[in-house]
N, C-alpha and C. Protein backbone atom coordinates (compact mmCIF):
# COMPACT_ATOMS: atom_id res chain seq x y z
N MET A 1 -15.23 27.18 12.89
CA MET A 1 -14.25 26.27 12.31
C MET A 1 -14.82 24.85 12.21
N THR A 2 -15.45 24.39 13.27
CA THR A 2 -16.03 23.04 13.26
C THR A 2 -17.15 22.95 12.23
N THR A 3 -17.90 24.03 12.07
CA THR A 3 -18.98 24.05 11.07
C THR A 3 -18.42 23.94 9.66
N GLN A 4 -17.30 24.60 9.41
CA GLN A 4 -16.68 24.53 8.09
C GLN A 4 -16.17 23.13 7.79
N ILE A 5 -15.56 22.50 8.77
CA ILE A 5 -15.07 21.13 8.59
C ILE A 5 -16.25 20.20 8.32
N GLY A 6 -17.32 20.38 9.07
CA GLY A 6 -18.53 19.58 8.85
C GLY A 6 -19.12 19.81 7.47
N GLY A 7 -19.07 21.05 7.02
CA GLY A 7 -19.58 21.36 5.68
C GLY A 7 -18.77 20.69 4.58
N TRP A 8 -17.45 20.78 4.69
CA TRP A 8 -16.60 20.13 3.69
C TRP A 8 -16.75 18.61 3.74
N PHE A 9 -16.91 18.08 4.94
CA PHE A 9 -17.13 16.63 5.08
C PHE A 9 -18.46 16.24 4.43
N GLY A 10 -19.46 17.06 4.57
CA GLY A 10 -20.76 16.79 3.94
C GLY A 10 -20.66 16.83 2.43
N ILE A 11 -19.92 17.78 1.89
CA ILE A 11 -19.73 17.85 0.44
C ILE A 11 -18.99 16.62 -0.07
N ALA A 12 -17.92 16.22 0.62
CA ALA A 12 -17.16 15.04 0.22
C ALA A 12 -18.03 13.78 0.29
N THR A 13 -18.83 13.66 1.33
CA THR A 13 -19.72 12.51 1.47
C THR A 13 -20.75 12.48 0.34
N GLY A 14 -21.26 13.64 -0.03
CA GLY A 14 -22.21 13.72 -1.14
C GLY A 14 -21.59 13.31 -2.45
N LEU A 15 -20.35 13.72 -2.70
CA LEU A 15 -19.67 13.32 -3.93
C LEU A 15 -19.43 11.81 -3.99
N VAL A 16 -19.04 11.24 -2.87
CA VAL A 16 -18.83 9.79 -2.82
C VAL A 16 -20.14 9.05 -3.04
N ALA A 17 -21.22 9.54 -2.46
CA ALA A 17 -22.52 8.91 -2.65
C ALA A 17 -22.99 9.03 -4.09
N TRP A 18 -22.75 10.19 -4.71
CA TRP A 18 -23.11 10.39 -6.12
C TRP A 18 -22.35 9.41 -7.01
N TYR A 19 -21.03 9.24 -6.76
CA TYR A 19 -20.23 8.32 -7.55
C TYR A 19 -20.72 6.89 -7.37
N ALA A 20 -21.01 6.49 -6.14
CA ALA A 20 -21.45 5.12 -5.87
C ALA A 20 -22.78 4.82 -6.55
N SER A 21 -23.71 5.76 -6.52
CA SER A 21 -25.00 5.52 -7.16
C SER A 21 -24.87 5.52 -8.68
N ALA A 22 -24.06 6.43 -9.22
CA ALA A 22 -23.83 6.44 -10.66
C ALA A 22 -23.14 5.15 -11.12
N ALA A 23 -22.16 4.69 -10.34
CA ALA A 23 -21.46 3.45 -10.69
C ALA A 23 -22.41 2.26 -10.66
N ALA A 24 -23.31 2.22 -9.69
CA ALA A 24 -24.26 1.11 -9.61
C ALA A 24 -25.17 1.09 -10.83
N VAL A 25 -25.67 2.25 -11.24
CA VAL A 25 -26.56 2.31 -12.40
C VAL A 25 -25.81 1.98 -13.69
N ILE A 26 -24.64 2.57 -13.87
CA ILE A 26 -23.87 2.34 -15.10
C ILE A 26 -23.42 0.89 -15.19
N ASN A 27 -22.92 0.33 -14.10
CA ASN A 27 -22.46 -1.06 -14.12
C ASN A 27 -23.63 -2.02 -14.35
N ALA A 28 -24.78 -1.75 -13.79
CA ALA A 28 -25.93 -2.63 -14.00
C ALA A 28 -26.45 -2.51 -15.43
N THR A 29 -26.39 -1.32 -15.99
CA THR A 29 -26.87 -1.11 -17.36
C THR A 29 -25.99 -1.86 -18.36
N HIS A 30 -24.69 -1.81 -18.15
CA HIS A 30 -23.76 -2.43 -19.10
C HIS A 30 -23.38 -3.86 -18.71
N ARG A 31 -23.88 -4.32 -17.57
CA ARG A 31 -23.66 -5.69 -17.07
C ARG A 31 -22.18 -6.05 -16.95
N ARG A 32 -21.36 -5.03 -16.64
CA ARG A 32 -19.96 -5.26 -16.33
C ARG A 32 -19.45 -4.05 -15.54
N ALA A 33 -18.28 -4.20 -14.95
CA ALA A 33 -17.75 -3.14 -14.08
C ALA A 33 -17.02 -2.08 -14.90
N LEU A 34 -17.72 -1.04 -15.29
CA LEU A 34 -17.08 0.07 -15.98
C LEU A 34 -16.49 1.05 -14.97
N LEU A 35 -17.19 1.26 -13.86
CA LEU A 35 -16.70 2.12 -12.79
C LEU A 35 -16.44 1.25 -11.56
N PRO A 36 -15.21 1.21 -11.08
CA PRO A 36 -14.90 0.36 -9.93
C PRO A 36 -15.56 0.87 -8.66
N THR A 37 -16.01 -0.08 -7.84
CA THR A 37 -16.63 0.27 -6.56
C THR A 37 -15.98 -0.47 -5.40
N GLY A 38 -14.90 -1.15 -5.64
CA GLY A 38 -14.19 -1.85 -4.56
C GLY A 38 -14.18 -3.35 -4.80
N PRO A 39 -13.53 -4.08 -3.91
CA PRO A 39 -13.45 -5.54 -4.06
C PRO A 39 -14.81 -6.20 -3.92
N ARG A 40 -14.97 -7.26 -4.63
CA ARG A 40 -16.24 -8.00 -4.57
C ARG A 40 -16.15 -9.20 -3.71
């Protein structure tokens, strides 16, 4: 059970990291905030 929770947490963390890195590249390319990443 603990392994499954850890696995799902790892998948969720990976998705958040993927979004953050994609947002950084897209926002830097377009020089404006197309994908929000939080307060500045």
